[in-house]
Every structure is written in C-alpha cells, then in structure tokens.
Amino acid sequence: MKTDLTVAGFLFHKNKVLLIHHRKLNLWLPPGGHIGKNETPDEALERELKEELGLEIEILNRKTVPMGGNIKKQLAVPFYVNVHSVGGHDHCCFFYVCKSKNPEKLKINENELKNFAWFSIGGLNAESIPEDVRSIAIEAFKAFNAERASK
C-alpha cells in the first residue's frame, strides 16, 4: 500500500490546542499536510500552517547538538509518530507541539477548512473529536506542559 509522509501540529495558545474541521475529510484534526519533495518535516509544518491558518509558528522540542561536521540544520523532534489509513493509502505522520508567533492573524483557508476551534484538555471529550485525535491531543498537552516546565 502507498504510504505518504505527513506532518501535523498541535498548536497551543493560552493552554488550549487548535483543531481544524477539514472540509474534504469532514473531521476535526490538527492542522498539517504532506511533506514535499526536498522539504524537511519542519519546513512542511511551517508551510502547511501558514497556508491553512495564516500563522507563523515555533515548533517546540528542539534538541541542540553543537553544530559542526556535516550538520546543516537541527530539526524538532516529534512527540509522536504513527501510520494511519486515509482511505486508499496510508499516512506516516510526524506529530509536533508548537505555538503561534502571531495568533491574532489566524484566518482559515476556506478552500481546505470548514472551521477551527481552540480546545481545553476537557473539551477534547466532545463527541465530534475522533478517538485517535483525542488520544494524541492529550499526549500533546503532556508534551507541551513538559516543555514549559523545562524552561
């Protein structure tokens, strides 16, 4: 079966996470999309959130190793990775925790998205949130809180 590489970002603001209502899939999901040819996962996530939401982001969970040798850039570490079915093919998805640099500029791309909403951890129990998205979002809250505690 064909497997595409994808990214998704759990975007936090004021201790709530953003989910989007995807027009084509008719599901509440974290924003994200396909990793393009010659694109790193970080670049793909930054591009997708700019295209879908008009936002500049900071991807959290960056490890710093001294630059040198053949290292060109250092990328964020996903807090979770899975392979899931999207109908006729699979997605290998790298999930990241991030925050917006300009949350006041949020404006959805209506060609791709129906709506968006900010969810508290308790709000994720809404019936409209798919079980897998809820479970991964709860892990994103844990990763976000651990990141904040380490600063």
N, C-alpha and C. Protein backbone atom coordinates (compact mmCIF):
# COMPACT_ATOMS: atom_id res chain seq x y z
N MET A 1 0.84 -1.18 0.00
CA MET A 1 0.00 0.00 0.00
C MET A 1 0.89 1.25 0.00
N LYS A 2 0.47 2.25 -0.72
CA LYS A 2 1.21 3.52 -0.80
C LYS A 2 1.18 4.20 0.57
N THR A 3 2.34 4.75 0.98
CA THR A 3 2.43 5.48 2.24
C THR A 3 3.06 6.83 1.97
N ASP A 4 2.33 7.91 2.30
CA ASP A 4 2.83 9.28 2.17
C ASP A 4 3.36 9.75 3.51
N LEU A 5 4.43 10.56 3.49
CA LEU A 5 4.95 11.19 4.70
C LEU A 5 4.22 12.50 4.94
N THR A 6 3.72 12.66 6.18
CA THR A 6 2.96 13.85 6.52
C THR A 6 3.39 14.39 7.88
N VAL A 7 2.95 15.62 8.15
CA VAL A 7 3.19 16.27 9.44
C VAL A 7 1.88 16.82 9.97
N ALA A 8 1.80 16.95 11.29
CA ALA A 8 0.64 17.60 11.92
C ALA A 8 1.15 18.34 13.15
N GLY A 9 0.57 19.50 13.40
CA GLY A 9 0.99 20.31 14.53
C GLY A 9 -0.14 20.55 15.51
N PHE A 10 0.12 20.24 16.77
CA PHE A 10 -0.80 20.60 17.84
C PHE A 10 -0.34 21.96 18.33
N LEU A 11 -1.10 22.97 17.93
CA LEU A 11 -0.75 24.37 18.15
C LEU A 11 -1.41 24.86 19.44
N PHE A 12 -0.61 25.36 20.37
CA PHE A 12 -1.11 25.79 21.67
C PHE A 12 -1.11 27.31 21.81
N HIS A 13 -2.15 27.80 22.48
CA HIS A 13 -2.28 29.22 22.83
C HIS A 13 -3.18 29.30 24.07
N LYS A 14 -2.68 29.96 25.09
CA LYS A 14 -3.44 30.12 26.35
C LYS A 14 -3.94 28.77 26.88
N ASN A 15 -3.06 27.78 26.85
CA ASN A 15 -3.32 26.43 27.36
C ASN A 15 -4.52 25.74 26.69
N LYS A 16 -4.73 26.08 25.42
CA LYS A 16 -5.72 25.38 24.60
C LYS A 16 -5.04 24.96 23.31
N VAL A 17 -5.56 23.93 22.71
CA VAL A 17 -4.99 23.41 21.46
C VAL A 17 -5.97 23.67 20.32
N LEU A 18 -5.42 23.98 19.17
CA LEU A 18 -6.22 24.29 17.98
C LEU A 18 -6.48 23.02 17.17
N LEU A 19 -7.73 22.79 16.83
CA LEU A 19 -8.08 21.75 15.87
C LEU A 19 -8.84 22.40 14.73
N ILE A 20 -8.69 21.83 13.55
CA ILE A 20 -9.40 22.36 12.38
C ILE A 20 -10.43 21.33 11.91
N HIS A 21 -11.51 21.84 11.32
CA HIS A 21 -12.53 20.95 10.73
C HIS A 21 -12.20 20.87 9.25
N HIS A 22 -11.63 19.75 8.85
CA HIS A 22 -11.15 19.54 7.48
C HIS A 22 -12.34 19.38 6.54
N ARG A 23 -12.39 20.18 5.49
CA ARG A 23 -13.52 20.18 4.56
C ARG A 23 -13.66 18.85 3.82
N LYS A 24 -12.58 18.35 3.21
CA LYS A 24 -12.64 17.13 2.40
C LYS A 24 -12.92 15.89 3.26
N LEU A 25 -12.26 15.79 4.41
CA LEU A 25 -12.40 14.60 5.26
C LEU A 25 -13.58 14.70 6.23
N ASN A 26 -14.10 15.91 6.43
CA ASN A 26 -15.19 16.18 7.36
C ASN A 26 -14.86 15.66 8.77
N LEU A 27 -13.63 15.94 9.21
CA LEU A 27 -13.16 15.51 10.53
C LEU A 27 -12.46 16.67 11.24
N TRP A 28 -12.50 16.65 12.57
CA TRP A 28 -11.71 17.56 13.38
C TRP A 28 -10.33 16.95 13.56
N LEU A 29 -9.30 17.69 13.14
CA LEU A 29 -7.93 17.20 13.12
C LEU A 29 -6.97 18.32 13.52
N PRO A 30 -5.73 17.97 13.84
CA PRO A 30 -4.72 19.02 13.96
C PRO A 30 -4.35 19.47 12.55
N PRO A 31 -3.96 20.71 12.36
CA PRO A 31 -3.55 21.15 11.02
C PRO A 31 -2.26 20.47 10.60
N GLY A 32 -2.10 20.32 9.30
CA GLY A 32 -0.89 19.71 8.77
C GLY A 32 -1.08 19.30 7.33
N GLY A 33 -0.18 18.45 6.83
CA GLY A 33 -0.28 18.01 5.45
C GLY A 33 0.94 17.23 5.02
N HIS A 34 1.08 17.08 3.72
CA HIS A 34 2.14 16.26 3.13
C HIS A 34 3.49 16.97 3.18
N ILE A 35 4.53 16.18 3.35
CA ILE A 35 5.90 16.67 3.25
C ILE A 35 6.27 16.65 1.77
N GLY A 36 6.66 17.81 1.25
CA GLY A 36 7.01 17.90 -0.16
C GLY A 36 8.40 17.37 -0.46
N LYS A 37 8.66 17.14 -1.73
CA LYS A 37 9.98 16.68 -2.17
C LYS A 37 11.01 17.74 -1.79
N ASN A 38 12.14 17.30 -1.27
CA ASN A 38 13.23 18.19 -0.86
C ASN A 38 12.84 19.13 0.28
N GLU A 39 11.85 18.75 1.07
CA GLU A 39 11.37 19.56 2.18
C GLU A 39 11.59 18.78 3.47
N THR A 40 12.05 19.45 4.51
CA THR A 40 12.17 18.79 5.81
C THR A 40 10.80 18.77 6.48
N PRO A 41 10.60 17.90 7.48
CA PRO A 41 9.32 17.93 8.20
C PRO A 41 9.04 19.31 8.82
N ASP A 42 10.06 19.96 9.38
CA ASP A 42 9.86 21.30 9.97
C ASP A 42 9.36 22.29 8.91
N GLU A 43 10.01 22.28 7.76
CA GLU A 43 9.60 23.19 6.68
C GLU A 43 8.17 22.90 6.23
N ALA A 44 7.82 21.62 6.14
CA ALA A 44 6.46 21.24 5.73
C ALA A 44 5.43 21.74 6.73
N LEU A 45 5.72 21.57 8.02
CA LEU A 45 4.78 22.01 9.05
C LEU A 45 4.62 23.53 9.03
N GLU A 46 5.73 24.24 8.92
CA GLU A 46 5.65 25.71 8.86
C GLU A 46 4.85 26.16 7.64
N ARG A 47 5.08 25.53 6.49
CA ARG A 47 4.35 25.87 5.26
C ARG A 47 2.87 25.56 5.39
N GLU A 48 2.55 24.36 5.88
CA GLU A 48 1.14 23.96 5.98
C GLU A 48 0.35 24.88 6.92
N LEU A 49 0.91 25.23 8.07
CA LEU A 49 0.19 26.09 9.00
C LEU A 49 0.06 27.51 8.47
N LYS A 50 1.02 27.94 7.68
CA LYS A 50 0.91 29.26 7.02
C LYS A 50 -0.20 29.21 5.97
N GLU A 51 -0.23 28.14 5.15
CA GLU A 51 -1.23 28.01 4.09
C GLU A 51 -2.64 27.85 4.66
N GLU A 52 -2.78 27.00 5.67
CA GLU A 52 -4.11 26.68 6.21
C GLU A 52 -4.65 27.74 7.16
N LEU A 53 -3.74 28.38 7.92
CA LEU A 53 -4.18 29.25 9.02
C LEU A 53 -3.61 30.66 8.98
N GLY A 54 -2.66 30.92 8.10
CA GLY A 54 -2.03 32.23 8.03
C GLY A 54 -1.09 32.52 9.19
N LEU A 55 -0.60 31.47 9.86
CA LEU A 55 0.19 31.66 11.07
C LEU A 55 1.66 31.30 10.88
N GLU A 56 2.51 32.06 11.57
CA GLU A 56 3.92 31.73 11.73
C GLU A 56 4.00 30.95 13.04
N ILE A 57 4.80 29.89 13.05
CA ILE A 57 4.83 29.03 14.24
C ILE A 57 6.25 28.83 14.77
N GLU A 58 6.30 28.44 16.03
CA GLU A 58 7.53 27.96 16.64
C GLU A 58 7.29 26.50 16.99
N ILE A 59 8.10 25.61 16.41
CA ILE A 59 7.98 24.19 16.70
C ILE A 59 8.81 23.90 17.94
N LEU A 60 8.18 23.28 18.93
CA LEU A 60 8.86 23.01 20.19
C LEU A 60 9.58 21.67 20.14
N ASN A 61 10.29 21.35 21.20
CA ASN A 61 11.04 20.11 21.37
C ASN A 61 12.21 20.02 20.40
N ARG A 62 13.02 21.06 20.44
CA ARG A 62 14.25 21.08 19.64
C ARG A 62 15.41 20.67 20.53
N LYS A 63 16.16 19.73 20.08
CA LYS A 63 17.38 19.31 20.78
C LYS A 63 18.54 20.08 20.17
N THR A 64 19.48 20.51 20.98
CA THR A 64 20.63 21.22 20.43
C THR A 64 21.89 20.39 20.62
N VAL A 65 22.49 20.12 19.51
CA VAL A 65 23.77 19.44 19.45
C VAL A 65 24.71 20.47 18.84
N PRO A 66 25.93 20.58 19.31
CA PRO A 66 26.84 21.57 18.71
C PRO A 66 26.92 21.38 17.19
N MET A 67 26.74 22.48 16.48
CA MET A 67 26.83 22.44 15.02
C MET A 67 28.28 22.14 14.63
N GLY A 68 28.47 21.38 13.61
CA GLY A 68 29.80 21.06 13.13
C GLY A 68 29.73 19.83 12.25
N GLY A 69 30.86 19.51 11.68
CA GLY A 69 30.88 18.35 10.79
C GLY A 69 29.95 18.57 9.61
N ASN A 70 29.11 17.60 9.36
CA ASN A 70 28.19 17.68 8.22
C ASN A 70 26.79 18.18 8.57
N ILE A 71 26.57 18.59 9.83
CA ILE A 71 25.23 19.05 10.23
C ILE A 71 24.92 20.38 9.55
N LYS A 72 23.79 20.43 8.85
CA LYS A 72 23.36 21.65 8.17
C LYS A 72 22.32 22.41 8.98
N LYS A 73 21.41 21.67 9.60
CA LYS A 73 20.39 22.30 10.45
C LYS A 73 19.87 21.26 11.42
N GLN A 74 19.31 21.74 12.51
CA GLN A 74 18.75 20.85 13.52
C GLN A 74 17.23 20.97 13.49
N LEU A 75 16.57 19.83 13.51
CA LEU A 75 15.12 19.79 13.40
C LEU A 75 14.48 19.45 14.74
N ALA A 76 13.22 19.81 14.86
CA ALA A 76 12.45 19.47 16.05
C ALA A 76 12.22 17.96 16.08
N VAL A 77 11.99 17.46 17.28
CA VAL A 77 11.71 16.04 17.47
C VAL A 77 10.20 15.86 17.65
N PRO A 78 9.55 15.04 16.82
CA PRO A 78 8.12 14.82 17.01
C PRO A 78 7.85 14.18 18.38
N PHE A 79 6.70 14.50 18.97
CA PHE A 79 6.37 13.86 20.25
C PHE A 79 5.67 12.53 20.01
N TYR A 80 5.25 12.30 18.76
CA TYR A 80 4.53 11.07 18.45
C TYR A 80 4.59 10.86 16.93
N VAL A 81 4.62 9.59 16.51
CA VAL A 81 4.60 9.23 15.09
C VAL A 81 3.70 8.02 14.94
N ASN A 82 2.86 8.02 13.88
CA ASN A 82 2.07 6.82 13.61
C ASN A 82 1.85 6.65 12.11
N VAL A 83 1.31 5.50 11.76
CA VAL A 83 0.84 5.25 10.40
C VAL A 83 -0.65 5.02 10.51
N HIS A 84 -1.41 5.78 9.71
CA HIS A 84 -2.87 5.62 9.77
C HIS A 84 -3.44 5.62 8.34
N SER A 85 -4.59 5.02 8.20
CA SER A 85 -5.26 4.91 6.91
C SER A 85 -6.04 6.18 6.60
N VAL A 86 -5.95 6.60 5.35
CA VAL A 86 -6.78 7.72 4.88
C VAL A 86 -7.54 7.27 3.62
N GLY A 87 -8.09 6.09 3.70
CA GLY A 87 -8.85 5.56 2.58
C GLY A 87 -7.98 4.65 1.72
N GLY A 88 -7.65 5.10 0.50
CA GLY A 88 -6.91 4.28 -0.44
C GLY A 88 -5.42 4.19 -0.20
N HIS A 89 -4.92 4.91 0.78
CA HIS A 89 -3.49 4.84 1.09
C HIS A 89 -3.26 5.18 2.56
N ASP A 90 -2.01 5.11 2.98
CA ASP A 90 -1.67 5.40 4.38
C ASP A 90 -0.87 6.68 4.49
N HIS A 91 -0.89 7.25 5.68
CA HIS A 91 -0.03 8.37 6.03
C HIS A 91 0.87 7.96 7.18
N CYS A 92 2.17 8.18 7.02
CA CYS A 92 3.12 8.10 8.14
C CYS A 92 3.24 9.53 8.62
N CYS A 93 2.67 9.80 9.79
CA CYS A 93 2.54 11.18 10.26
C CYS A 93 3.45 11.45 11.46
N PHE A 94 4.20 12.55 11.36
CA PHE A 94 5.05 13.05 12.43
C PHE A 94 4.28 14.16 13.13
N PHE A 95 3.99 13.99 14.41
CA PHE A 95 3.19 14.95 15.18
C PHE A 95 4.09 15.82 16.04
N TYR A 96 3.85 17.12 16.00
CA TYR A 96 4.67 18.10 16.72
C TYR A 96 3.81 18.96 17.63
N VAL A 97 4.47 19.50 18.65
CA VAL A 97 3.86 20.51 19.52
C VAL A 97 4.44 21.85 19.09
N CYS A 98 3.59 22.84 18.94
CA CYS A 98 4.07 24.14 18.53
C CYS A 98 3.21 25.24 19.12
N LYS A 99 3.69 26.47 18.98
CA LYS A 99 2.91 27.63 19.38
C LYS A 99 3.01 28.67 18.29
N SER A 100 2.03 29.55 18.25
CA SER A 100 1.97 30.56 17.21
C SER A 100 2.77 31.79 17.62
N LYS A 101 3.46 32.36 16.64
CA LYS A 101 4.16 33.63 16.86
C LYS A 101 3.22 34.81 16.67
N ASN A 102 2.10 34.59 15.96
CA ASN A 102 1.15 35.66 15.65
C ASN A 102 -0.30 35.16 15.70
N PRO A 103 -0.78 34.70 16.88
CA PRO A 103 -2.11 34.09 16.95
C PRO A 103 -3.26 35.03 16.53
N GLU A 104 -3.03 36.32 16.63
CA GLU A 104 -4.07 37.28 16.25
C GLU A 104 -4.32 37.29 14.73
N LYS A 105 -3.45 36.70 13.95
CA LYS A 105 -3.57 36.68 12.48
C LYS A 105 -4.29 35.43 11.98
N LEU A 106 -4.79 34.60 12.88
CA LEU A 106 -5.44 33.35 12.48
C LEU A 106 -6.60 33.61 11.53
N LYS A 107 -6.50 33.01 10.35
CA LYS A 107 -7.57 33.09 9.36
C LYS A 107 -7.51 31.80 8.55
N ILE A 108 -8.58 31.03 8.58
CA ILE A 108 -8.55 29.72 7.92
C ILE A 108 -8.66 29.86 6.40
N ASN A 109 -8.04 28.91 5.73
CA ASN A 109 -8.15 28.77 4.28
C ASN A 109 -9.46 28.02 4.03
N GLU A 110 -10.48 28.74 3.59
CA GLU A 110 -11.82 28.15 3.46
C GLU A 110 -11.93 27.13 2.34
N ASN A 111 -10.93 27.06 1.45
CA ASN A 111 -10.93 26.02 0.41
C ASN A 111 -10.65 24.65 1.02
N GLU A 112 -9.88 24.63 2.11
CA GLU A 112 -9.50 23.37 2.74
C GLU A 112 -10.23 23.09 4.05
N LEU A 113 -10.60 24.16 4.75
CA LEU A 113 -11.12 24.01 6.10
C LEU A 113 -12.52 24.58 6.23
N LYS A 114 -13.35 23.90 7.05
CA LYS A 114 -14.69 24.40 7.36
C LYS A 114 -14.67 25.37 8.53
N ASN A 115 -13.82 25.06 9.53
CA ASN A 115 -13.85 25.82 10.77
C ASN A 115 -12.61 25.49 11.59
N PHE A 116 -12.48 26.16 12.72
CA PHE A 116 -11.43 25.86 13.67
C PHE A 116 -11.99 26.11 15.06
N ALA A 117 -11.34 25.54 16.07
CA ALA A 117 -11.74 25.79 17.46
C ALA A 117 -10.54 25.50 18.36
N TRP A 118 -10.49 26.25 19.46
CA TRP A 118 -9.48 26.03 20.50
C TRP A 118 -10.11 25.15 21.57
N PHE A 119 -9.42 24.06 21.95
CA PHE A 119 -9.96 23.11 22.91
C PHE A 119 -9.09 23.04 24.16
N SER A 120 -9.75 23.10 25.31
CA SER A 120 -9.06 22.77 26.56
C SER A 120 -8.93 21.26 26.60
N ILE A 121 -8.15 20.76 27.52
CA ILE A 121 -7.99 19.30 27.60
C ILE A 121 -9.35 18.63 27.88
N GLY A 122 -10.19 19.25 28.70
CA GLY A 122 -11.52 18.70 28.97
C GLY A 122 -12.43 18.77 27.76
N GLY A 123 -12.26 19.79 26.92
CA GLY A 123 -13.09 19.97 25.73
C GLY A 123 -12.85 18.92 24.67
N LEU A 124 -11.75 18.20 24.79
CA LEU A 124 -11.44 17.16 23.81
C LEU A 124 -12.39 15.98 23.91
N ASN A 125 -13.18 15.94 24.97
CA ASN A 125 -14.17 14.86 25.12
C ASN A 125 -15.40 15.06 24.26
N ALA A 126 -15.44 16.15 23.50
CA ALA A 126 -16.59 16.40 22.61
C ALA A 126 -16.76 15.23 21.65
N GLU A 127 -18.01 14.87 21.39
CA GLU A 127 -18.32 13.75 20.52
C GLU A 127 -17.76 13.92 19.12
N SER A 128 -17.60 15.17 18.68
CA SER A 128 -17.14 15.44 17.32
C SER A 128 -15.65 15.17 17.12
N ILE A 129 -14.89 14.99 18.21
CA ILE A 129 -13.45 14.74 18.11
C ILE A 129 -13.21 13.24 17.97
N PRO A 130 -12.59 12.80 16.88
CA PRO A 130 -12.31 11.36 16.72
C PRO A 130 -11.44 10.84 17.88
N GLU A 131 -11.65 9.59 18.23
CA GLU A 131 -10.96 8.99 19.38
C GLU A 131 -9.44 9.07 19.25
N ASP A 132 -8.91 8.78 18.05
CA ASP A 132 -7.45 8.82 17.89
C ASP A 132 -6.92 10.25 18.02
N VAL A 133 -7.64 11.22 17.48
CA VAL A 133 -7.23 12.63 17.59
C VAL A 133 -7.25 13.05 19.06
N ARG A 134 -8.29 12.64 19.78
CA ARG A 134 -8.39 12.96 21.22
C ARG A 134 -7.19 12.40 21.99
N SER A 135 -6.87 11.13 21.75
CA SER A 135 -5.76 10.47 22.46
C SER A 135 -4.43 11.16 22.16
N ILE A 136 -4.18 11.48 20.90
CA ILE A 136 -2.92 12.13 20.53
C ILE A 136 -2.89 13.55 21.08
N ALA A 137 -4.02 14.24 21.07
CA ALA A 137 -4.08 15.61 21.62
C ALA A 137 -3.78 15.62 23.12
N ILE A 138 -4.25 14.63 23.83
CA ILE A 138 -3.95 14.54 25.27
C ILE A 138 -2.45 14.36 25.48
N GLU A 139 -1.82 13.54 24.64
CA GLU A 139 -0.36 13.39 24.71
C GLU A 139 0.33 14.71 24.35
N ALA A 140 -0.25 15.45 23.41
CA ALA A 140 0.31 16.76 23.04
C ALA A 140 0.27 17.72 24.23
N PHE A 141 -0.83 17.71 24.99
CA PHE A 141 -0.92 18.54 26.20
C PHE A 141 0.20 18.17 27.17
N LYS A 142 0.44 16.86 27.35
CA LYS A 142 1.51 16.42 28.26
C LYS A 142 2.87 16.91 27.76
N ALA A 143 3.12 16.79 26.46
CA ALA A 143 4.40 17.23 25.89
C ALA A 143 4.55 18.74 26.01
N PHE A 144 3.47 19.48 25.77
CA PHE A 144 3.51 20.95 25.87
C PHE A 144 3.80 21.37 27.30
N ASN A 145 3.12 20.76 28.26
CA ASN A 145 3.33 21.11 29.67
C ASN A 145 4.74 20.73 30.12
N ALA A 146 5.27 19.61 29.64
CA ALA A 146 6.64 19.21 29.99
C ALA A 146 7.65 20.20 29.40
N GLU A 147 7.39 20.65 28.21
CA GLU A 147 8.26 21.64 27.54
C GLU A 147 8.27 22.94 28.34
N ARG A 148 7.09 23.39 28.75
CA ARG A 148 7.00 24.64 29.54
C ARG A 148 7.69 24.48 30.87
N ALA A 149 7.56 23.33 31.51
CA ALA A 149 8.17 23.11 32.83
C ALA A 149 9.69 23.07 32.75
N SER A 150 10.22 22.68 31.58
CA SER A 150 11.67 22.58 31.44
C SER A 150 12.35 23.92 31.17
N LYS A 151 11.55 24.95 30.90
CA LYS A 151 12.11 26.28 30.58
C LYS A 151 12.39 27.07 31.83
